[in-house]
Amino acid sequence: MADIEAQFDQAMLQIYQRAKKEAKYQANDFLGMLMSNRGVRTAKTLINSKTESSGYAKLSELGRLDLTVEALVTEDTRWHVLFTDEELERARLRLKKYRYEPKNS
């Protein structure tokens, strides 16, 4: 499991880097969480939050929900083993609420 968690850490860092490069959005709070808590814990914190993060809202405004944690965990089945069915459903519903249809879900 440690190997997949390390791969997920990299995937999380990549969405930060892509948001910075492609959307011109520097998600410093997200990066701080990632550096302190690693990928899985950061993702679970964000997905299980009752409200969307400010970063999620900003990416929504920019039309880039594809760069959210919710999209990352729902669209790539490799990560599904790291999350409960409830967390995956919560992520899907949040994306749907913002009219984003996850690919491959």
PDB file of N, CA and C in Angstrom:
ATOM      1  N   MET A   1       0.830  -1.202   0.000  1.00  0.00           N
ATOM      2  CA  MET A   1       0.000   0.000   0.000  1.00  0.00           C
ATOM      3  C   MET A   1       0.871   1.261   0.000  1.00  0.00           C
ATOM      4  N   ALA A   2       2.057   1.156   0.578  1.00  0.00           N
ATOM      5  CA  ALA A   2       2.933   2.330   0.647  1.00  0.00           C
ATOM      6  C   ALA A   2       3.297   2.836  -0.751  1.00  0.00           C
ATOM      7  N   ASP A   3       3.478   1.911  -1.697  1.00  0.00           N
ATOM      8  CA  ASP A   3       3.843   2.303  -3.053  1.00  0.00           C
ATOM      9  C   ASP A   3       2.727   3.107  -3.714  1.00  0.00           C
ATOM     10  N   ILE A   4       1.498   2.651  -3.585  1.00  0.00           N
ATOM     11  CA  ILE A   4       0.376   3.384  -4.192  1.00  0.00           C
ATOM     12  C   ILE A   4       0.181   4.735  -3.503  1.00  0.00           C
ATOM     13  N   GLU A   5       0.434   4.797  -2.211  1.00  0.00           N
ATOM     14  CA  GLU A   5       0.323   6.077  -1.507  1.00  0.00           C
ATOM     15  C   GLU A   5       1.395   7.051  -1.987  1.00  0.00           C
ATOM     16  N   ALA A   6       2.593   6.561  -2.256  1.00  0.00           N
ATOM     17  CA  ALA A   6       3.653   7.423  -2.790  1.00  0.00           C
ATOM     18  C   ALA A   6       3.287   7.908  -4.192  1.00  0.00           C
ATOM     19  N   GLN A   7       2.689   7.023  -4.985  1.00  0.00           N
ATOM     20  CA  GLN A   7       2.241   7.421  -6.317  1.00  0.00           C
ATOM     21  C   GLN A   7       1.139   8.475  -6.220  1.00  0.00           C
ATOM     22  N   PHE A   8       0.256   8.306  -5.241  1.00  0.00           N
ATOM     23  CA  PHE A   8      -0.816   9.281  -5.055  1.00  0.00           C
ATOM     24  C   PHE A   8      -0.247  10.628  -4.606  1.00  0.00           C
ATOM     25  N   ASP A   9       0.765  10.606  -3.754  1.00  0.00           N
ATOM     26  CA  ASP A   9       1.440  11.851  -3.363  1.00  0.00           C
ATOM     27  C   ASP A   9       1.905  12.607  -4.606  1.00  0.00           C
ATOM     28  N   GLN A  10       2.503  11.881  -5.544  1.00  0.00           N
ATOM     29  CA  GLN A  10       2.993  12.492  -6.774  1.00  0.00           C
ATOM     30  C   GLN A  10       1.843  13.039  -7.620  1.00  0.00           C
ATOM     31  N   ALA A  11       0.760  12.295  -7.699  1.00  0.00           N
ATOM     32  CA  ALA A  11      -0.405  12.750  -8.470  1.00  0.00           C
ATOM     33  C   ALA A  11      -0.984  14.023  -7.867  1.00  0.00           C
ATOM     34  N   MET A  12      -1.022  14.080  -6.551  1.00  0.00           N
ATOM     35  CA  MET A  12      -1.525  15.286  -5.873  1.00  0.00           C
ATOM     36  C   MET A  12      -0.606  16.477  -6.149  1.00  0.00           C
ATOM     37  N   LEU A  13       0.691  16.258  -6.098  1.00  0.00           N
ATOM     38  CA  LEU A  13       1.636  17.328  -6.399  1.00  0.00           C
ATOM     39  C   LEU A  13       1.488  17.785  -7.849  1.00  0.00           C
ATOM     40  N   GLN A  14       1.205  16.841  -8.737  1.00  0.00           N
ATOM     41  CA  GLN A  14       1.015  17.196 -10.144  1.00  0.00           C
ATOM     42  C   GLN A  14      -0.206  18.072 -10.362  1.00  0.00           C
ATOM     43  N   ILE A  15      -1.305  17.829  -9.634  1.00  0.00           N
ATOM     44  CA  ILE A  15      -2.465  18.709  -9.847  1.00  0.00           C
ATOM     45  C   ILE A  15      -2.174  20.116  -9.307  1.00  0.00           C
ATOM     46  N   TYR A  16      -1.361  20.202  -8.251  1.00  0.00           N
ATOM     47  CA  TYR A  16      -0.933  21.526  -7.764  1.00  0.00           C
ATOM     48  C   TYR A  16      -0.126  22.226  -8.857  1.00  0.00           C
ATOM     49  N   GLN A  17       0.843  21.517  -9.422  1.00  0.00           N
ATOM     50  CA  GLN A  17       1.714  22.099 -10.446  1.00  0.00           C
ATOM     51  C   GLN A  17       0.937  22.466 -11.699  1.00  0.00           C
ATOM     52  N   ARG A  18      -0.008  21.624 -12.088  1.00  0.00           N
ATOM     53  CA  ARG A  18      -0.832  21.918 -13.268  1.00  0.00           C
ATOM     54  C   ARG A  18      -1.718  23.132 -13.029  1.00  0.00           C
ATOM     55  N   ALA A  19      -2.289  23.248 -11.828  1.00  0.00           N
ATOM     56  CA  ALA A  19      -3.127  24.416 -11.517  1.00  0.00           C
ATOM     57  C   ALA A  19      -2.298  25.694 -11.614  1.00  0.00           C
ATOM     58  N   LYS A  20      -1.086  25.624 -11.118  1.00  0.00           N
ATOM     59  CA  LYS A  20      -0.184  26.786 -11.155  1.00  0.00           C
ATOM     60  C   LYS A  20       0.171  27.155 -12.600  1.00  0.00           C
ATOM     61  N   LYS A  21       0.501  26.156 -13.391  1.00  0.00           N
ATOM     62  CA  LYS A  21       0.939  26.396 -14.769  1.00  0.00           C
ATOM     63  C   LYS A  21      -0.224  26.675 -15.719  1.00  0.00           C
ATOM     64  N   GLU A  22      -1.231  25.817 -15.682  1.00  0.00           N
ATOM     65  CA  GLU A  22      -2.308  25.894 -16.677  1.00  0.00           C
ATOM     66  C   GLU A  22      -3.397  26.902 -16.323  1.00  0.00           C
ATOM     67  N   ALA A  23      -3.701  27.025 -15.020  1.00  0.00           N
ATOM     68  CA  ALA A  23      -4.796  27.902 -14.608  1.00  0.00           C
ATOM     69  C   ALA A  23      -4.290  29.182 -13.945  1.00  0.00           C
ATOM     70  N   LYS A  24      -2.986  29.287 -13.821  1.00  0.00           N
ATOM     71  CA  LYS A  24      -2.366  30.452 -13.157  1.00  0.00           C
ATOM     72  C   LYS A  24      -2.892  30.611 -11.734  1.00  0.00           C
ATOM     73  N   TYR A  25      -3.120  29.462 -11.078  1.00  0.00           N
ATOM     74  CA  TYR A  25      -3.624  29.465  -9.706  1.00  0.00           C
ATOM     75  C   TYR A  25      -2.619  28.771  -8.803  1.00  0.00           C
ATOM     76  N   GLN A  26      -2.089  29.524  -7.876  1.00  0.00           N
ATOM     77  CA  GLN A  26      -1.109  28.994  -6.938  1.00  0.00           C
ATOM     78  C   GLN A  26      -1.816  28.646  -5.626  1.00  0.00           C
ATOM     79  N   ALA A  27      -2.037  27.376  -5.419  1.00  0.00           N
ATOM     80  CA  ALA A  27      -2.794  26.888  -4.267  1.00  0.00           C
ATOM     81  C   ALA A  27      -1.852  26.637  -3.087  1.00  0.00           C
ATOM     82  N   ASN A  28      -1.421  27.711  -2.455  1.00  0.00           N
ATOM     83  CA  ASN A  28      -0.442  27.599  -1.369  1.00  0.00           C
ATOM     84  C   ASN A  28      -0.971  26.810  -0.176  1.00  0.00           C
ATOM     85  N   ASP A  29      -2.228  26.997   0.171  1.00  0.00           N
ATOM     86  CA  ASP A  29      -2.795  26.251   1.301  1.00  0.00           C
ATOM     87  C   ASP A  29      -2.800  24.752   1.000  1.00  0.00           C
ATOM     88  N   PHE A  30      -3.167  24.406  -0.219  1.00  0.00           N
ATOM     89  CA  PHE A  30      -3.179  23.003  -0.642  1.00  0.00           C
ATOM     90  C   PHE A  30      -1.767  22.419  -0.573  1.00  0.00           C
ATOM     91  N   LEU A  31      -0.794  23.148  -1.070  1.00  0.00           N
ATOM     92  CA  LEU A  31       0.587  22.674  -1.042  1.00  0.00           C
ATOM     93  C   LEU A  31       1.064  22.484   0.389  1.00  0.00           C
ATOM     94  N   GLY A  32       0.708  23.413   1.264  1.00  0.00           N
ATOM     95  CA  GLY A  32       1.070  23.282   2.670  1.00  0.00           C
ATOM     96  C   GLY A  32       0.467  22.039   3.303  1.00  0.00           C
ATOM     97  N   MET A  33      -0.797  21.791   3.008  1.00  0.00           N
ATOM     98  CA  MET A  33      -1.449  20.574   3.513  1.00  0.00           C
ATOM     99  C   MET A  33      -0.749  19.335   2.984  1.00  0.00           C
ATOM    100  N   LEU A  34      -0.421  19.366   1.724  1.00  0.00           N
ATOM    101  CA  LEU A  34       0.220  18.227   1.080  1.00  0.00           C
ATOM    102  C   LEU A  34       1.597  17.943   1.689  1.00  0.00           C
ATOM    103  N   MET A  35       2.350  18.975   1.942  1.00  0.00           N
ATOM    104  CA  MET A  35       3.687  18.806   2.515  1.00  0.00           C
ATOM    105  C   MET A  35       3.611  18.329   3.972  1.00  0.00           C
ATOM    106  N   SER A  36       2.611  18.763   4.689  1.00  0.00           N
ATOM    107  CA  SER A  36       2.457  18.378   6.100  1.00  0.00           C
ATOM    108  C   SER A  36       1.817  17.008   6.279  1.00  0.00           C
ATOM    109  N   ASN A  37       0.835  16.711   5.450  1.00  0.00           N
ATOM    110  CA  ASN A  37      -0.013  15.538   5.680  1.00  0.00           C
ATOM    111  C   ASN A  37       0.063  14.466   4.600  1.00  0.00           C
ATOM    112  N   ARG A  38       0.802  14.739   3.537  1.00  0.00           N
ATOM    113  CA  ARG A  38       0.869  13.838   2.385  1.00  0.00           C
ATOM    114  C   ARG A  38      -0.471  13.790   1.653  1.00  0.00           C
ATOM    115  N   GLY A  39      -0.526  13.005   0.599  1.00  0.00           N
ATOM    116  CA  GLY A  39      -1.660  13.036  -0.313  1.00  0.00           C
ATOM    117  C   GLY A  39      -2.960  12.474   0.199  1.00  0.00           C
ATOM    118  N   VAL A  40      -2.924  11.258   0.741  1.00  0.00           N
ATOM    119  CA  VAL A  40      -4.180  10.610   1.138  1.00  0.00           C
ATOM    120  C   VAL A  40      -4.870  11.389   2.244  1.00  0.00           C
ATOM    121  N   ARG A  41      -4.130  11.766   3.257  1.00  0.00           N
ATOM    122  CA  ARG A  41      -4.749  12.503   4.371  1.00  0.00           C
ATOM    123  C   ARG A  41      -5.293  13.855   3.904  1.00  0.00           C
ATOM    124  N   THR A  42      -4.534  14.539   3.046  1.00  0.00           N
ATOM    125  CA  THR A  42      -5.008  15.818   2.499  1.00  0.00           C
ATOM    126  C   THR A  42      -6.296  15.621   1.710  1.00  0.00           C
ATOM    127  N   ALA A  43      -6.312  14.614   0.845  1.00  0.00           N
ATOM    128  CA  ALA A  43      -7.506  14.356   0.028  1.00  0.00           C
ATOM    129  C   ALA A  43      -8.707  14.016   0.895  1.00  0.00           C
ATOM    130  N   LYS A  44      -8.504  13.158   1.884  1.00  0.00           N
ATOM    131  CA  LYS A  44      -9.609  12.779   2.760  1.00  0.00           C
ATOM    132  C   LYS A  44     -10.139  13.989   3.534  1.00  0.00           C
ATOM    133  N   THR A  45      -9.249  14.849   3.987  1.00  0.00           N
ATOM    134  CA  THR A  45      -9.667  16.056   4.697  1.00  0.00           C
ATOM    135  C   THR A  45     -10.546  16.921   3.804  1.00  0.00           C
ATOM    136  N   LEU A  46     -10.106  17.131   2.572  1.00  0.00           N
ATOM    137  CA  LEU A  46     -10.853  17.988   1.652  1.00  0.00           C
ATOM    138  C   LEU A  46     -12.169  17.351   1.221  1.00  0.00           C
ATOM    139  N   ILE A  47     -12.138  16.076   0.904  1.00  0.00           N
ATOM    140  CA  ILE A  47     -13.356  15.390   0.452  1.00  0.00           C
ATOM    141  C   ILE A  47     -14.393  15.313   1.570  1.00  0.00           C
ATOM    142  N   ASN A  48     -13.948  15.079   2.792  1.00  0.00           N
ATOM    143  CA  ASN A  48     -14.879  14.906   3.907  1.00  0.00           C
ATOM    144  C   ASN A  48     -15.325  16.216   4.550  1.00  0.00           C
ATOM    145  N   SER A  49     -14.792  17.329   4.080  1.00  0.00           N
ATOM    146  CA  SER A  49     -15.221  18.630   4.586  1.00  0.00           C
ATOM    147  C   SER A  49     -16.675  18.879   4.180  1.00  0.00           C
ATOM    148  N   LYS A  50     -17.437  19.461   5.077  1.00  0.00           N
ATOM    149  CA  LYS A  50     -18.851  19.730   4.791  1.00  0.00           C
ATOM    150  C   LYS A  50     -19.032  20.761   3.670  1.00  0.00           C
ATOM    151  N   THR A  51     -18.056  21.624   3.511  1.00  0.00           N
ATOM    152  CA  THR A  51     -18.123  22.639   2.462  1.00  0.00           C
ATOM    153  C   THR A  51     -16.893  22.552   1.567  1.00  0.00           C
ATOM    154  N   GLU A  52     -17.037  23.082   0.384  1.00  0.00           N
ATOM    155  CA  GLU A  52     -15.931  23.105  -0.559  1.00  0.00           C
ATOM    156  C   GLU A  52     -14.844  24.046  -0.044  1.00  0.00           C
ATOM    157  N   SER A  53     -13.607  23.716  -0.349  1.00  0.00           N
ATOM    158  CA  SER A  53     -12.495  24.583   0.044  1.00  0.00           C
ATOM    159  C   SER A  53     -12.482  25.827  -0.845  1.00  0.00           C
ATOM    160  N   SER A  54     -11.755  26.843  -0.419  1.00  0.00           N
ATOM    161  CA  SER A  54     -11.622  28.051  -1.237  1.00  0.00           C
ATOM    162  C   SER A  54     -10.907  27.717  -2.549  1.00  0.00           C
ATOM    163  N   GLY A  55      -9.989  26.751  -2.505  1.00  0.00           N
ATOM    164  CA  GLY A  55      -9.301  26.331  -3.722  1.00  0.00           C
ATOM    165  C   GLY A  55     -10.246  25.676  -4.709  1.00  0.00           C
ATOM    166  N   TYR A  56     -11.156  24.858  -4.202  1.00  0.00           N
ATOM    167  CA  TYR A  56     -12.155  24.218  -5.055  1.00  0.00           C
ATOM    168  C   TYR A  56     -13.012  25.295  -5.716  1.00  0.00           C
ATOM    169  N   ALA A  57     -13.440  26.261  -4.918  1.00  0.00           N
ATOM    170  CA  ALA A  57     -14.275  27.353  -5.450  1.00  0.00           C
ATOM    171  C   ALA A  57     -13.523  28.132  -6.527  1.00  0.00           C
ATOM    172  N   LYS A  58     -12.252  28.397  -6.294  1.00  0.00           N
ATOM    173  CA  LYS A  58     -11.452  29.141  -7.267  1.00  0.00           C
ATOM    174  C   LYS A  58     -11.288  28.349  -8.558  1.00  0.00           C
ATOM    175  N   LEU A  59     -10.999  27.060  -8.434  1.00  0.00           N
ATOM    176  CA  LEU A  59     -10.868  26.234  -9.636  1.00  0.00           C
ATOM    177  C   LEU A  59     -12.191  26.143 -10.386  1.00  0.00           C
ATOM    178  N   SER A  60     -13.303  26.155  -9.663  1.00  0.00           N
ATOM    179  CA  SER A  60     -14.608  26.173 -10.302  1.00  0.00           C
ATOM    180  C   SER A  60     -14.790  27.468 -11.100  1.00  0.00           C
ATOM    181  N   GLU A  61     -14.447  28.593 -10.491  1.00  0.00           N
ATOM    182  CA  GLU A  61     -14.530  29.887 -11.175  1.00  0.00           C
ATOM    183  C   GLU A  61     -13.688  29.894 -12.445  1.00  0.00           C
ATOM    184  N   LEU A  62     -12.543  29.238 -12.386  1.00  0.00           N
ATOM    185  CA  LEU A  62     -11.622  29.195 -13.522  1.00  0.00           C
ATOM    186  C   LEU A  62     -12.017  28.135 -14.557  1.00  0.00           C
ATOM    187  N   GLY A  63     -13.079  27.384 -14.268  1.00  0.00           N
ATOM    188  CA  GLY A  63     -13.511  26.340 -15.180  1.00  0.00           C
ATOM    189  C   GLY A  63     -12.550  25.162 -15.229  1.00  0.00           C
ATOM    190  N   ARG A  64     -11.875  24.905 -14.097  1.00  0.00           N
ATOM    191  CA  ARG A  64     -10.867  23.848 -14.057  1.00  0.00           C
ATOM    192  C   ARG A  64     -11.104  22.855 -12.918  1.00  0.00           C
ATOM    193  N   LEU A  65     -12.319  22.382 -12.802  1.00  0.00           N
ATOM    194  CA  LEU A  65     -12.597  21.361 -11.785  1.00  0.00           C
ATOM    195  C   LEU A  65     -11.853  20.062 -12.058  1.00  0.00           C
ATOM    196  N   ASP A  66     -11.325  19.922 -13.262  1.00  0.00           N
ATOM    197  CA  ASP A  66     -10.499  18.759 -13.568  1.00  0.00           C
ATOM    198  C   ASP A  66      -9.216  18.731 -12.739  1.00  0.00           C
ATOM    199  N   LEU A  67      -8.866  19.858 -12.134  1.00  0.00           N
ATOM    200  CA  LEU A  67      -7.651  19.951 -11.316  1.00  0.00           C
ATOM    201  C   LEU A  67      -7.933  19.823  -9.822  1.00  0.00           C
ATOM    202  N   THR A  68      -9.131  19.405  -9.470  1.00  0.00           N
ATOM    203  CA  THR A  68      -9.476  19.242  -8.055  1.00  0.00           C
ATOM    204  C   THR A  68      -9.140  17.841  -7.564  1.00  0.00           C
ATOM    205  N   VAL A  69      -9.016  17.734  -6.267  1.00  0.00           N
ATOM    206  CA  VAL A  69      -8.805  16.437  -5.623  1.00  0.00           C
ATOM    207  C   VAL A  69      -9.972  15.510  -5.960  1.00  0.00           C
ATOM    208  N   GLU A  70     -11.173  16.045  -5.938  1.00  0.00           N
ATOM    209  CA  GLU A  70     -12.368  15.248  -6.219  1.00  0.00           C
ATOM    210  C   GLU A  70     -12.293  14.608  -7.604  1.00  0.00           C
ATOM    211  N   ALA A  71     -11.861  15.373  -8.592  1.00  0.00           N
ATOM    212  CA  ALA A  71     -11.718  14.819  -9.937  1.00  0.00           C
ATOM    213  C   ALA A  71     -10.602  13.780  -9.982  1.00  0.00           C
ATOM    214  N   LEU A  72      -9.508  14.077  -9.330  1.00  0.00           N
ATOM    215  CA  LEU A  72      -8.378  13.144  -9.323  1.00  0.00           C
ATOM    216  C   LEU A  72      -8.781  11.785  -8.775  1.00  0.00           C
ATOM    217  N   VAL A  73      -9.469  11.772  -7.644  1.00  0.00           N
ATOM    218  CA  VAL A  73      -9.777  10.479  -7.013  1.00  0.00           C
ATOM    219  C   VAL A  73     -10.917   9.740  -7.698  1.00  0.00           C
ATOM    220  N   THR A  74     -11.815  10.447  -8.360  1.00  0.00           N
ATOM    221  CA  THR A  74     -12.919   9.749  -9.014  1.00  0.00           C
ATOM    222  C   THR A  74     -12.561   9.301 -10.422  1.00  0.00           C
ATOM    223  N   GLU A  75     -11.714  10.031 -11.092  1.00  0.00           N
ATOM    224  CA  GLU A  75     -11.446   9.740 -12.500  1.00  0.00           C
ATOM    225  C   GLU A  75     -10.382   8.662 -12.724  1.00  0.00           C
ATOM    226  N   ASP A  76      -9.546   8.426 -11.756  1.00  0.00           N
ATOM    227  CA  ASP A  76      -8.484   7.430 -11.925  1.00  0.00           C
ATOM    228  C   ASP A  76      -8.719   6.284 -10.946  1.00  0.00           C
ATOM    229  N   THR A  77      -9.106   5.150 -11.476  1.00  0.00           N
ATOM    230  CA  THR A  77      -9.485   4.018 -10.623  1.00  0.00           C
ATOM    231  C   THR A  77      -8.323   3.476  -9.792  1.00  0.00           C
ATOM    232  N   ARG A  78      -7.100   3.811 -10.138  1.00  0.00           N
ATOM    233  CA  ARG A  78      -5.956   3.381  -9.313  1.00  0.00           C
ATOM    234  C   ARG A  78      -6.094   3.858  -7.874  1.00  0.00           C
ATOM    235  N   TRP A  79      -6.706   5.018  -7.696  1.00  0.00           N
ATOM    236  CA  TRP A  79      -6.767   5.633  -6.365  1.00  0.00           C
ATOM    237  C   TRP A  79      -7.953   5.148  -5.545  1.00  0.00           C
ATOM    238  N   HIS A  80      -8.881   4.463  -6.148  1.00  0.00           N
ATOM    239  CA  HIS A  80     -10.102   4.060  -5.442  1.00  0.00           C
ATOM    240  C   HIS A  80      -9.817   3.211  -4.205  1.00  0.00           C
ATOM    241  N   VAL A  81      -8.768   2.407  -4.220  1.00  0.00           N
ATOM    242  CA  VAL A  81      -8.451   1.562  -3.054  1.00  0.00           C
ATOM    243  C   VAL A  81      -8.056   2.385  -1.831  1.00  0.00           C
ATOM    244  N   LEU A  82      -7.707   3.640  -2.031  1.00  0.00           N
ATOM    245  CA  LEU A  82      -7.271   4.506  -0.936  1.00  0.00           C
ATOM    246  C   LEU A  82      -8.438   5.184  -0.215  1.00  0.00           C
ATOM    247  N   PHE A  83      -9.638   5.060  -0.781  1.00  0.00           N
ATOM    248  CA  PHE A  83     -10.791   5.787  -0.265  1.00  0.00           C
ATOM    249  C   PHE A  83     -11.969   4.847  -0.054  1.00  0.00           C
ATOM    250  N   THR A  84     -12.841   5.239   0.855  1.00  0.00           N
ATOM    251  CA  THR A  84     -14.052   4.454   1.081  1.00  0.00           C
ATOM    252  C   THR A  84     -15.051   4.734  -0.040  1.00  0.00           C
ATOM    253  N   ASP A  85     -16.020   3.857  -0.181  1.00  0.00           N
ATOM    254  CA  ASP A  85     -17.081   4.088  -1.170  1.00  0.00           C
ATOM    255  C   ASP A  85     -17.799   5.401  -0.880  1.00  0.00           C
ATOM    256  N   GLU A  86     -17.985   5.709   0.397  1.00  0.00           N
ATOM    257  CA  GLU A  86     -18.667   6.950   0.790  1.00  0.00           C
ATOM    258  C   GLU A  86     -17.851   8.173   0.368  1.00  0.00           C
ATOM    259  N   GLU A  87     -16.544   8.112   0.527  1.00  0.00           N
ATOM    260  CA  GLU A  87     -15.700   9.246   0.128  1.00  0.00           C
ATOM    261  C   GLU A  87     -15.720   9.435  -1.383  1.00  0.00           C
ATOM    262  N   LEU A  88     -15.673   8.347  -2.116  1.00  0.00           N
ATOM    263  CA  LEU A  88     -15.727   8.446  -3.574  1.00  0.00           C
ATOM    264  C   LEU A  88     -17.067   9.025  -4.025  1.00  0.00           C
ATOM    265  N   GLU A  89     -18.140   8.590  -3.392  1.00  0.00           N
ATOM    266  CA  GLU A  89     -19.458   9.129  -3.722  1.00  0.00           C
ATOM    267  C   GLU A  89     -19.565  10.609  -3.353  1.00  0.00           C
ATOM    268  N   ARG A  90     -19.030  10.983  -2.218  1.00  0.00           N
ATOM    269  CA  ARG A  90     -19.037  12.386  -1.793  1.00  0.00           C
ATOM    270  C   ARG A  90     -18.294  13.247  -2.815  1.00  0.00           C
ATOM    271  N   ALA A  91     -17.161  12.763  -3.294  1.00  0.00           N
ATOM    272  CA  ALA A  91     -16.389  13.498  -4.299  1.00  0.00           C
ATOM    273  C   ALA A  91     -17.185  13.628  -5.600  1.00  0.00           C
ATOM    274  N   ARG A  92     -17.820  12.541  -6.028  1.00  0.00           N
ATOM    275  CA  ARG A  92     -18.635  12.577  -7.257  1.00  0.00           C
ATOM    276  C   ARG A  92     -19.793  13.573  -7.126  1.00  0.00           C
ATOM    277  N   LEU A  93     -20.457  13.528  -5.990  1.00  0.00           N
ATOM    278  CA  LEU A  93     -21.600  14.424  -5.787  1.00  0.00           C
ATOM    279  C   LEU A  93     -21.180  15.890  -5.766  1.00  0.00           C
ATOM    280  N   ARG A  94     -20.033  16.168  -5.173  1.00  0.00           N
ATOM    281  CA  ARG A  94     -19.556  17.552  -5.152  1.00  0.00           C
ATOM    282  C   ARG A  94     -19.275  18.030  -6.569  1.00  0.00           C
ATOM    283  N   LEU A  95     -18.650  17.198  -7.357  1.00  0.00           N
ATOM    284  CA  LEU A  95     -18.383  17.566  -8.751  1.00  0.00           C
ATOM    285  C   LEU A  95     -19.686  17.762  -9.520  1.00  0.00           C
ATOM    286  N   LYS A  96     -20.628  16.858  -9.308  1.00  0.00           N
ATOM    287  CA  LYS A  96     -21.922  16.944  -9.989  1.00  0.00           C
ATOM    288  C   LYS A  96     -22.660  18.224  -9.601  1.00  0.00           C
ATOM    289  N   LYS A  97     -22.575  18.591  -8.342  1.00  0.00           N
ATOM    290  CA  LYS A  97     -23.208  19.825  -7.851  1.00  0.00           C
ATOM    291  C   LYS A  97     -22.725  21.039  -8.644  1.00  0.00           C
ATOM    292  N   TYR A  98     -21.462  20.981  -9.074  1.00  0.00           N
ATOM    293  CA  TYR A  98     -20.871  22.083  -9.834  1.00  0.00           C
ATOM    294  C   TYR A  98     -20.885  21.803 -11.347  1.00  0.00           C
ATOM    295  N   ARG A  99     -21.730  20.849 -11.744  1.00  0.00           N
ATOM    296  CA  ARG A  99     -21.946  20.520 -13.144  1.00  0.00           C
ATOM    297  C   ARG A  99     -20.694  19.999 -13.855  1.00  0.00           C
ATOM    298  N   TYR A 100     -19.878  19.270 -13.118  1.00  0.00           N
ATOM    299  CA  TYR A 100     -18.713  18.625 -13.708  1.00  0.00           C
ATOM    300  C   TYR A 100     -18.960  17.123 -13.691  1.00  0.00           C
ATOM    301  N   GLU A 101     -18.896  16.517 -14.847  1.00  0.00           N
ATOM    302  CA  GLU A 101     -19.110  15.083 -14.946  1.00  0.00           C
ATOM    303  C   GLU A 101     -17.756  14.385 -14.976  1.00  0.00           C
ATOM    304  N   PRO A 102     -17.434  13.650 -13.903  1.00  0.00           N
ATOM    305  CA  PRO A 102     -16.135  12.967 -13.885  1.00  0.00           C
ATOM    306  C   PRO A 102     -15.995  11.999 -15.045  1.00  0.00           C
ATOM    307  N   LYS A 103     -14.817  11.961 -15.609  1.00  0.00           N
ATOM    308  CA  LYS A 103     -14.512  11.013 -16.678  1.00  0.00           C
ATOM    309  C   LYS A 103     -14.272   9.650 -16.051  1.00  0.00           C
ATOM    310  N   ASN A 104     -14.693   8.613 -16.707  1.00  0.00           N
ATOM    311  CA  ASN A 104     -14.449   7.229 -16.263  1.00  0.00           C
ATOM    312  C   ASN A 104     -15.074   6.883 -14.923  1.00  0.00           C
ATOM    313  N   SER A 105     -16.147   7.528 -14.528  1.00  0.00           N
ATOM    314  CA  SER A 105     -16.741   7.162 -13.234  1.00  0.00           C
ATOM    315  C   SER A 105     -18.084   6.503 -13.418  1.00  0.00           C
TER     316      SER A 105
END
